[in-house]
């Protein structure tokens, strides 16, 4: 509570006004912090996710996201990695906690067998909790036409 001088210099009188300046300062600092950190938490690897009609689940606070791109390249978060580096990169990112859920974003144009090969890499690294990420069926992005899949060489099937 603030005090102000009365007409007599030897007495203090309580002021019933609330000083909101420190509150506003703190809120503006928090706003700037959230504006800076929010874009850093999103994964910016472009893939065309398949649509799903399932109920959306709440997102984890700090998700570990593995992206499988159309060219079968892997990215952990926003960092491209090779298949050989996957286990060690997950070990560093999860700090050795193999109970961490790994969110897998896969392009809709990759083959099922290719996705299962990536899932096998996760299982071999000791990560059993895997969630597949999809788009909501009613979202505008799910109605956009997808580019044709890259042709598969005859010996790769």
N, C-alpha and C. Protein backbone atom coordinates (compact mmCIF):
# COMPACT_ATOMS: atom_id res chain seq x y z
N UNK A 1 0.85 -1.16 0.00
CA UNK A 1 0.00 0.00 0.00
C UNK A 1 0.90 1.22 0.00
N UNK A 2 0.57 2.21 -0.78
CA UNK A 2 1.39 3.41 -0.90
C UNK A 2 0.97 4.44 0.14
N UNK A 3 1.88 5.31 0.46
CA UNK A 3 1.61 6.39 1.41
C UNK A 3 1.85 7.72 0.72
N UNK A 4 1.12 8.71 1.15
CA UNK A 4 1.33 10.03 0.60
C UNK A 4 1.30 11.04 1.74
N UNK A 5 1.92 12.17 1.50
CA UNK A 5 1.97 13.21 2.52
C UNK A 5 0.61 13.88 2.68
N UNK A 6 0.25 14.11 3.92
CA UNK A 6 -0.92 14.92 4.21
C UNK A 6 -0.41 16.35 4.32
N UNK A 7 -1.23 17.27 4.66
CA UNK A 7 -0.79 18.64 4.79
C UNK A 7 0.18 18.80 5.96
N UNK A 8 0.09 17.92 6.94
CA UNK A 8 1.01 17.99 8.07
C UNK A 8 2.20 17.08 7.77
N UNK A 9 3.41 17.57 7.82
CA UNK A 9 4.56 16.76 7.46
C UNK A 9 4.88 15.64 8.44
N UNK A 10 4.34 15.64 9.63
CA UNK A 10 4.67 14.60 10.60
C UNK A 10 3.72 13.42 10.57
N UNK A 11 2.70 13.41 9.73
CA UNK A 11 1.75 12.30 9.65
C UNK A 11 1.76 11.67 8.26
N UNK A 12 1.54 10.36 8.24
CA UNK A 12 1.38 9.62 6.99
C UNK A 12 -0.07 9.19 6.87
N UNK A 13 -0.57 9.23 5.69
CA UNK A 13 -1.93 8.77 5.47
C UNK A 13 -1.90 7.71 4.39
N UNK A 14 -2.62 6.62 4.59
CA UNK A 14 -2.63 5.53 3.63
C UNK A 14 -3.39 5.95 2.38
N UNK A 15 -2.81 5.59 1.24
CA UNK A 15 -3.46 5.84 -0.04
C UNK A 15 -4.16 4.55 -0.47
N UNK A 16 -5.36 4.66 -0.95
CA UNK A 16 -6.14 3.48 -1.33
C UNK A 16 -6.09 3.23 -2.84
N UNK A 17 -5.03 3.69 -3.47
CA UNK A 17 -4.85 3.46 -4.90
C UNK A 17 -3.88 2.30 -5.09
N UNK A 18 -4.19 1.43 -6.05
CA UNK A 18 -3.33 0.29 -6.33
C UNK A 18 -2.33 0.69 -7.42
N UNK A 19 -1.07 0.39 -7.19
CA UNK A 19 -0.03 0.68 -8.17
C UNK A 19 0.11 -0.55 -9.06
N UNK A 20 -0.33 -0.46 -10.33
CA UNK A 20 -0.31 -1.59 -11.24
C UNK A 20 0.90 -1.58 -12.17
N UNK A 21 1.75 -0.59 -12.06
CA UNK A 21 2.92 -0.50 -12.95
C UNK A 21 3.83 -1.72 -12.86
N UNK A 22 4.19 -2.24 -11.66
CA UNK A 22 5.03 -3.44 -11.63
C UNK A 22 4.34 -4.66 -12.24
N UNK A 23 3.05 -4.78 -12.05
CA UNK A 23 2.29 -5.88 -12.63
C UNK A 23 2.34 -5.83 -14.16
N UNK A 24 2.17 -4.66 -14.72
CA UNK A 24 2.20 -4.49 -16.17
C UNK A 24 3.60 -4.79 -16.71
N UNK A 25 4.63 -4.35 -15.98
CA UNK A 25 6.00 -4.63 -16.41
C UNK A 25 6.27 -6.13 -16.47
N UNK A 26 5.86 -6.85 -15.46
CA UNK A 26 6.07 -8.30 -15.42
C UNK A 26 5.30 -8.98 -16.55
N UNK A 27 4.08 -8.56 -16.79
CA UNK A 27 3.27 -9.17 -17.85
C UNK A 27 3.88 -8.91 -19.23
N UNK A 28 4.43 -7.73 -19.45
CA UNK A 28 5.04 -7.44 -20.74
C UNK A 28 6.31 -8.28 -20.95
N UNK A 29 7.08 -8.48 -19.90
CA UNK A 29 8.28 -9.33 -20.01
C UNK A 29 7.87 -10.76 -20.33
N UNK A 30 6.84 -11.28 -19.65
CA UNK A 30 6.37 -12.63 -19.93
C UNK A 30 5.84 -12.76 -21.35
N UNK A 31 5.15 -11.74 -21.82
CA UNK A 31 4.64 -11.76 -23.19
C UNK A 31 5.78 -11.86 -24.19
N UNK A 32 6.83 -11.09 -23.99
CA UNK A 32 7.98 -11.14 -24.90
C UNK A 32 8.64 -12.51 -24.85
N UNK A 33 8.77 -13.09 -23.67
CA UNK A 33 9.38 -14.41 -23.54
C UNK A 33 8.56 -15.45 -24.30
N UNK A 34 7.25 -15.45 -24.14
CA UNK A 34 6.41 -16.41 -24.85
C UNK A 34 6.42 -16.17 -26.36
N UNK A 35 6.48 -14.92 -26.78
CA UNK A 35 6.51 -14.63 -28.22
C UNK A 35 7.81 -15.13 -28.85
N UNK A 36 8.89 -15.12 -28.11
CA UNK A 36 10.17 -15.57 -28.64
C UNK A 36 10.27 -17.09 -28.63
N UNK A 37 9.79 -17.74 -27.57
CA UNK A 37 9.97 -19.19 -27.44
C UNK A 37 8.91 -20.01 -28.15
N UNK A 38 7.73 -19.50 -28.37
CA UNK A 38 6.66 -20.29 -28.99
C UNK A 38 7.03 -20.80 -30.39
N UNK A 39 7.58 -19.98 -31.27
CA UNK A 39 7.93 -20.51 -32.59
C UNK A 39 9.05 -21.55 -32.55
N UNK A 40 9.86 -21.54 -31.52
CA UNK A 40 10.96 -22.48 -31.43
C UNK A 40 10.50 -23.89 -31.08
N UNK A 41 9.30 -24.04 -30.53
CA UNK A 41 8.82 -25.36 -30.12
C UNK A 41 8.17 -26.13 -31.25
N UNK A 42 7.86 -25.48 -32.35
CA UNK A 42 7.20 -26.17 -33.46
C UNK A 42 8.23 -26.82 -34.37
N UNK A 43 7.82 -27.91 -35.01
CA UNK A 43 8.66 -28.61 -35.97
C UNK A 43 8.33 -28.06 -37.35
N UNK A 44 9.36 -27.66 -38.09
CA UNK A 44 9.14 -27.01 -39.36
C UNK A 44 9.64 -27.82 -40.55
N UNK A 45 9.57 -29.14 -40.47
CA UNK A 45 9.94 -29.99 -41.60
C UNK A 45 8.65 -30.24 -42.37
N UNK A 46 8.57 -29.84 -43.64
CA UNK A 46 7.32 -30.00 -44.38
C UNK A 46 7.07 -31.45 -44.81
N UNK A 47 5.98 -32.01 -44.36
CA UNK A 47 5.51 -33.32 -44.81
C UNK A 47 4.00 -33.23 -44.98
N UNK A 48 3.47 -34.08 -45.83
CA UNK A 48 2.02 -34.15 -46.00
C UNK A 48 1.51 -35.28 -45.12
N UNK A 49 0.91 -34.91 -44.00
CA UNK A 49 0.40 -35.91 -43.09
C UNK A 49 -0.91 -36.48 -43.61
N UNK A 50 -1.15 -37.77 -43.39
CA UNK A 50 -2.45 -38.33 -43.78
C UNK A 50 -3.53 -37.82 -42.84
N UNK A 51 -4.75 -37.83 -43.31
CA UNK A 51 -5.88 -37.37 -42.50
C UNK A 51 -6.41 -38.51 -41.65
N UNK A 52 -6.95 -38.15 -40.49
CA UNK A 52 -7.54 -39.14 -39.58
C UNK A 52 -8.80 -38.55 -38.97
N UNK A 53 -9.79 -39.39 -38.74
CA UNK A 53 -11.03 -38.92 -38.13
C UNK A 53 -11.06 -39.19 -36.63
N UNK A 54 -9.95 -39.62 -36.05
CA UNK A 54 -9.92 -39.91 -34.62
C UNK A 54 -9.94 -38.62 -33.80
N UNK A 55 -10.29 -38.76 -32.55
CA UNK A 55 -10.37 -37.63 -31.63
C UNK A 55 -8.97 -37.11 -31.33
N UNK A 56 -8.72 -35.79 -31.45
CA UNK A 56 -7.39 -35.26 -31.15
C UNK A 56 -7.01 -35.49 -29.69
N UNK A 57 -5.77 -35.85 -29.47
CA UNK A 57 -5.25 -36.11 -28.13
C UNK A 57 -4.48 -34.88 -27.66
N UNK A 58 -4.40 -34.67 -26.36
CA UNK A 58 -3.62 -33.53 -25.87
C UNK A 58 -2.14 -33.71 -26.20
N UNK A 59 -1.50 -32.64 -26.58
CA UNK A 59 -0.09 -32.70 -26.97
C UNK A 59 0.80 -32.70 -25.74
N UNK A 60 1.95 -33.33 -25.87
CA UNK A 60 2.92 -33.35 -24.78
C UNK A 60 3.55 -31.97 -24.65
N UNK A 61 4.11 -31.71 -23.49
CA UNK A 61 4.71 -30.39 -23.25
C UNK A 61 5.97 -30.18 -24.08
N UNK A 62 6.88 -31.13 -24.07
CA UNK A 62 8.11 -31.07 -24.87
C UNK A 62 8.20 -32.35 -25.70
N UNK A 63 7.46 -32.42 -26.81
CA UNK A 63 7.44 -33.68 -27.55
C UNK A 63 8.74 -33.95 -28.29
N UNK A 64 9.05 -35.24 -28.42
CA UNK A 64 10.17 -35.69 -29.25
C UNK A 64 9.55 -36.13 -30.57
N UNK A 65 9.84 -35.38 -31.64
CA UNK A 65 9.18 -35.60 -32.92
C UNK A 65 10.20 -36.12 -33.93
N UNK A 66 9.89 -37.30 -34.49
CA UNK A 66 10.69 -37.90 -35.56
C UNK A 66 9.89 -37.78 -36.85
N UNK A 67 10.48 -37.14 -37.85
CA UNK A 67 9.80 -36.93 -39.12
C UNK A 67 10.41 -37.82 -40.19
N UNK A 68 9.54 -38.54 -40.92
CA UNK A 68 9.96 -39.36 -42.06
C UNK A 68 9.47 -38.64 -43.30
N UNK A 69 10.39 -38.10 -44.09
CA UNK A 69 10.04 -37.30 -45.24
C UNK A 69 9.75 -38.20 -46.44
N UNK A 70 9.22 -37.60 -47.51
CA UNK A 70 8.84 -38.37 -48.69
C UNK A 70 10.05 -39.05 -49.32
N UNK A 71 11.23 -38.43 -49.24
CA UNK A 71 12.44 -39.05 -49.80
C UNK A 71 13.08 -40.03 -48.81
N UNK A 72 12.35 -40.39 -47.74
CA UNK A 72 12.75 -41.31 -46.68
C UNK A 72 13.86 -40.77 -45.79
N UNK A 73 14.12 -39.47 -45.87
CA UNK A 73 15.06 -38.83 -44.96
C UNK A 73 14.43 -38.72 -43.58
N UNK A 74 15.26 -38.75 -42.55
CA UNK A 74 14.77 -38.64 -41.17
C UNK A 74 15.18 -37.30 -40.59
N UNK A 75 14.33 -36.76 -39.72
CA UNK A 75 14.65 -35.53 -38.99
C UNK A 75 14.14 -35.69 -37.57
N UNK A 76 14.97 -35.37 -36.62
CA UNK A 76 14.60 -35.41 -35.21
C UNK A 76 14.45 -33.96 -34.77
N UNK A 77 13.19 -33.55 -34.53
CA UNK A 77 12.92 -32.13 -34.32
C UNK A 77 13.09 -31.43 -35.65
N UNK A 78 14.00 -30.46 -35.72
CA UNK A 78 14.29 -29.76 -36.98
C UNK A 78 15.65 -30.15 -37.54
N UNK A 79 16.30 -31.16 -36.97
CA UNK A 79 17.64 -31.55 -37.37
C UNK A 79 17.59 -32.82 -38.20
N UNK A 80 18.14 -32.78 -39.40
CA UNK A 80 18.21 -33.97 -40.25
C UNK A 80 19.25 -34.93 -39.69
N UNK A 81 18.90 -36.21 -39.66
CA UNK A 81 19.82 -37.24 -39.17
C UNK A 81 19.77 -38.43 -40.12
N UNK A 82 20.76 -39.29 -40.01
CA UNK A 82 20.76 -40.53 -40.79
C UNK A 82 20.17 -41.64 -39.93
N UNK A 83 19.87 -42.74 -40.55
CA UNK A 83 19.32 -43.87 -39.81
C UNK A 83 20.32 -44.40 -38.79
N UNK A 84 21.61 -44.35 -39.11
CA UNK A 84 22.63 -44.82 -38.19
C UNK A 84 22.74 -43.92 -36.96
N UNK A 85 22.44 -42.64 -37.11
CA UNK A 85 22.52 -41.70 -35.99
C UNK A 85 21.27 -41.66 -35.12
N UNK A 86 20.20 -42.33 -35.54
CA UNK A 86 18.92 -42.23 -34.85
C UNK A 86 19.01 -42.64 -33.38
N UNK A 87 19.58 -43.79 -33.10
CA UNK A 87 19.62 -44.28 -31.71
C UNK A 87 20.41 -43.34 -30.81
N UNK A 88 21.57 -42.89 -31.26
CA UNK A 88 22.37 -42.00 -30.41
C UNK A 88 21.73 -40.62 -30.26
N UNK A 89 21.08 -40.13 -31.31
CA UNK A 89 20.40 -38.83 -31.23
C UNK A 89 19.22 -38.90 -30.27
N UNK A 90 18.47 -40.00 -30.32
CA UNK A 90 17.36 -40.16 -29.36
C UNK A 90 17.87 -40.29 -27.93
N UNK A 91 18.97 -40.98 -27.77
CA UNK A 91 19.58 -41.15 -26.44
C UNK A 91 19.94 -39.78 -25.85
N UNK A 92 20.54 -38.91 -26.68
CA UNK A 92 20.91 -37.56 -26.21
C UNK A 92 19.68 -36.73 -25.92
N UNK A 93 18.70 -36.78 -26.81
CA UNK A 93 17.53 -35.92 -26.69
C UNK A 93 16.65 -36.31 -25.50
N UNK A 94 16.51 -37.59 -25.25
CA UNK A 94 15.65 -38.05 -24.15
C UNK A 94 16.43 -38.25 -22.86
N UNK A 95 17.72 -37.98 -22.88
CA UNK A 95 18.59 -38.16 -21.71
C UNK A 95 18.54 -39.60 -21.19
N UNK A 96 18.44 -40.54 -22.11
CA UNK A 96 18.46 -41.96 -21.76
C UNK A 96 17.14 -42.51 -21.26
N UNK A 97 16.08 -41.71 -21.21
CA UNK A 97 14.77 -42.18 -20.73
C UNK A 97 14.04 -42.86 -21.89
N UNK A 98 14.04 -44.19 -21.89
CA UNK A 98 13.43 -44.94 -22.99
C UNK A 98 11.91 -45.05 -22.85
N UNK A 99 11.35 -44.48 -21.79
CA UNK A 99 9.89 -44.46 -21.65
C UNK A 99 9.28 -43.21 -22.29
N UNK A 100 10.13 -42.36 -22.85
CA UNK A 100 9.65 -41.15 -23.52
C UNK A 100 8.86 -41.53 -24.77
N UNK A 101 7.72 -40.89 -24.95
CA UNK A 101 6.91 -41.15 -26.15
C UNK A 101 7.54 -40.42 -27.34
N UNK A 102 7.70 -41.14 -28.44
CA UNK A 102 8.26 -40.59 -29.68
C UNK A 102 7.09 -40.38 -30.64
N UNK A 103 6.92 -39.15 -31.10
CA UNK A 103 5.86 -38.81 -32.05
C UNK A 103 6.44 -38.92 -33.46
N UNK A 104 5.86 -39.78 -34.28
CA UNK A 104 6.35 -40.01 -35.64
C UNK A 104 5.42 -39.31 -36.62
N UNK A 105 6.00 -38.38 -37.38
CA UNK A 105 5.29 -37.70 -38.47
C UNK A 105 5.82 -38.29 -39.76
N UNK A 106 4.97 -38.90 -40.54
CA UNK A 106 5.41 -39.53 -41.79
C UNK A 106 4.60 -38.97 -42.95
N UNK A 107 5.27 -38.71 -44.05
CA UNK A 107 4.60 -38.24 -45.25
C UNK A 107 3.60 -39.30 -45.71
N UNK A 108 2.45 -38.87 -46.19
CA UNK A 108 1.41 -39.82 -46.58
C UNK A 108 1.77 -40.62 -47.82
N UNK A 109 2.81 -40.21 -48.55
CA UNK A 109 3.17 -40.90 -49.78
C UNK A 109 4.22 -41.98 -49.60
N UNK A 110 4.71 -42.21 -48.38
CA UNK A 110 5.68 -43.29 -48.22
C UNK A 110 4.94 -44.60 -48.02
N UNK A 111 5.61 -45.69 -48.35
CA UNK A 111 4.99 -47.02 -48.26
C UNK A 111 4.96 -47.50 -46.81
N UNK A 112 4.02 -48.35 -46.54
CA UNK A 112 3.84 -48.91 -45.20
C UNK A 112 5.09 -49.64 -44.73
N UNK A 113 5.70 -50.39 -45.59
CA UNK A 113 6.91 -51.13 -45.23
C UNK A 113 8.06 -50.21 -44.87
N UNK A 114 8.14 -49.06 -45.54
CA UNK A 114 9.19 -48.11 -45.23
C UNK A 114 8.97 -47.47 -43.86
N UNK A 115 7.72 -47.20 -43.51
CA UNK A 115 7.41 -46.69 -42.18
C UNK A 115 7.71 -47.73 -41.12
N UNK A 116 7.41 -48.99 -41.42
CA UNK A 116 7.69 -50.05 -40.44
C UNK A 116 9.18 -50.23 -40.23
N UNK A 117 10.00 -49.97 -41.25
CA UNK A 117 11.45 -50.04 -41.08
C UNK A 117 11.93 -48.99 -40.09
N UNK A 118 11.33 -47.80 -40.15
CA UNK A 118 11.67 -46.75 -39.18
C UNK A 118 11.19 -47.13 -37.79
N UNK A 119 10.02 -47.72 -37.70
CA UNK A 119 9.50 -48.17 -36.39
C UNK A 119 10.42 -49.26 -35.81
N UNK A 120 10.95 -50.12 -36.67
CA UNK A 120 11.90 -51.14 -36.20
C UNK A 120 13.18 -50.50 -35.66
N UNK A 121 13.62 -49.41 -36.29
CA UNK A 121 14.80 -48.69 -35.78
C UNK A 121 14.53 -48.14 -34.37
N UNK A 122 13.32 -47.62 -34.17
CA UNK A 122 12.96 -47.11 -32.85
C UNK A 122 12.92 -48.24 -31.82
N UNK A 123 12.35 -49.36 -32.21
CA UNK A 123 12.27 -50.50 -31.30
C UNK A 123 13.66 -51.04 -30.98
N UNK A 124 14.53 -51.09 -31.97
CA UNK A 124 15.90 -51.57 -31.74
C UNK A 124 16.67 -50.63 -30.81
N UNK A 125 16.31 -49.34 -30.84
CA UNK A 125 16.96 -48.36 -29.95
C UNK A 125 16.37 -48.42 -28.54
N UNK A 126 15.29 -49.20 -28.35
CA UNK A 126 14.70 -49.37 -27.02
C UNK A 126 13.50 -48.50 -26.75
N UNK A 127 12.98 -47.82 -27.74
CA UNK A 127 11.83 -46.92 -27.55
C UNK A 127 10.56 -47.64 -28.01
N UNK A 128 9.72 -48.01 -27.05
CA UNK A 128 8.50 -48.77 -27.34
C UNK A 128 7.26 -47.88 -27.41
N UNK A 129 7.31 -46.70 -26.82
CA UNK A 129 6.15 -45.80 -26.80
C UNK A 129 6.22 -44.88 -28.01
N UNK A 130 5.45 -45.21 -29.04
CA UNK A 130 5.47 -44.47 -30.30
C UNK A 130 4.05 -44.04 -30.62
N UNK A 131 3.90 -42.78 -31.01
CA UNK A 131 2.59 -42.25 -31.42
C UNK A 131 2.72 -41.74 -32.85
N UNK A 132 1.73 -42.05 -33.67
CA UNK A 132 1.71 -41.59 -35.05
C UNK A 132 0.91 -40.30 -35.14
N UNK A 133 1.45 -39.30 -35.83
CA UNK A 133 0.82 -37.99 -35.94
C UNK A 133 0.07 -37.92 -37.26
N UNK A 134 -1.15 -37.36 -37.22
CA UNK A 134 -1.94 -37.19 -38.44
C UNK A 134 -2.65 -35.84 -38.38
N UNK A 135 -3.28 -35.48 -39.49
CA UNK A 135 -4.11 -34.27 -39.54
C UNK A 135 -5.54 -34.65 -39.20
N UNK A 136 -6.31 -33.64 -38.81
CA UNK A 136 -7.74 -33.87 -38.62
C UNK A 136 -8.39 -33.97 -40.00
N UNK A 137 -9.37 -34.86 -40.12
CA UNK A 137 -10.00 -35.12 -41.42
C UNK A 137 -10.71 -33.89 -41.97
N UNK A 138 -11.27 -33.05 -41.12
CA UNK A 138 -12.02 -31.89 -41.59
C UNK A 138 -11.18 -30.66 -41.85
N UNK A 139 -9.87 -30.74 -41.62
CA UNK A 139 -9.04 -29.54 -41.80
C UNK A 139 -8.88 -29.24 -43.29
N UNK A 140 -8.75 -27.96 -43.63
CA UNK A 140 -8.63 -27.59 -45.05
C UNK A 140 -7.41 -28.20 -45.72
N UNK A 141 -6.34 -28.41 -44.98
CA UNK A 141 -5.12 -28.96 -45.59
C UNK A 141 -5.32 -30.40 -46.03
N UNK A 142 -6.27 -31.13 -45.41
CA UNK A 142 -6.45 -32.53 -45.78
C UNK A 142 -7.19 -32.69 -47.10
N UNK A 143 -7.86 -31.64 -47.56
CA UNK A 143 -8.57 -31.75 -48.83
C UNK A 143 -7.70 -31.31 -50.00
N UNK A 144 -6.51 -30.76 -49.72
CA UNK A 144 -5.62 -30.33 -50.80
C UNK A 144 -5.05 -31.55 -51.51
N UNK A 145 -4.94 -31.50 -52.83
CA UNK A 145 -4.37 -32.65 -53.54
C UNK A 145 -2.90 -32.82 -53.18
N UNK A 146 -2.50 -34.05 -53.07
CA UNK A 146 -1.10 -34.33 -52.73
C UNK A 146 -0.32 -34.57 -54.02
N UNK A 147 0.98 -34.23 -54.03
CA UNK A 147 1.77 -34.49 -55.22
C UNK A 147 1.95 -35.98 -55.41
N UNK A 148 2.15 -36.42 -56.62
CA UNK A 148 2.30 -37.86 -56.86
C UNK A 148 3.57 -38.38 -56.18
N UNK A 149 3.50 -39.62 -55.75
CA UNK A 149 4.64 -40.23 -55.08
C UNK A 149 5.77 -40.46 -56.07
N UNK A 150 6.98 -40.42 -55.56
CA UNK A 150 8.15 -40.66 -56.42
C UNK A 150 8.12 -42.11 -56.89
N UNK A 151 8.48 -42.36 -58.13
CA UNK A 151 8.44 -43.73 -58.63
C UNK A 151 9.47 -44.59 -57.88
N UNK A 152 9.06 -45.80 -57.58
CA UNK A 152 9.93 -46.74 -56.87
C UNK A 152 10.68 -47.59 -57.89
N UNK A 153 11.99 -47.72 -57.73
CA UNK A 153 12.74 -48.59 -58.65
C UNK A 153 12.21 -50.02 -58.58
N UNK A 154 12.25 -50.78 -59.69
CA UNK A 154 11.67 -52.11 -59.71
C UNK A 154 12.26 -53.06 -58.66
N UNK A 155 13.51 -52.95 -58.32
CA UNK A 155 14.11 -53.85 -57.35
C UNK A 155 13.84 -53.48 -55.91
N UNK A 156 13.25 -52.31 -55.64
CA UNK A 156 13.05 -51.84 -54.27
C UNK A 156 11.75 -52.33 -53.66
N UNK A 157 10.89 -52.95 -54.41
CA UNK A 157 9.60 -53.39 -53.88
C UNK A 157 9.79 -54.63 -53.12
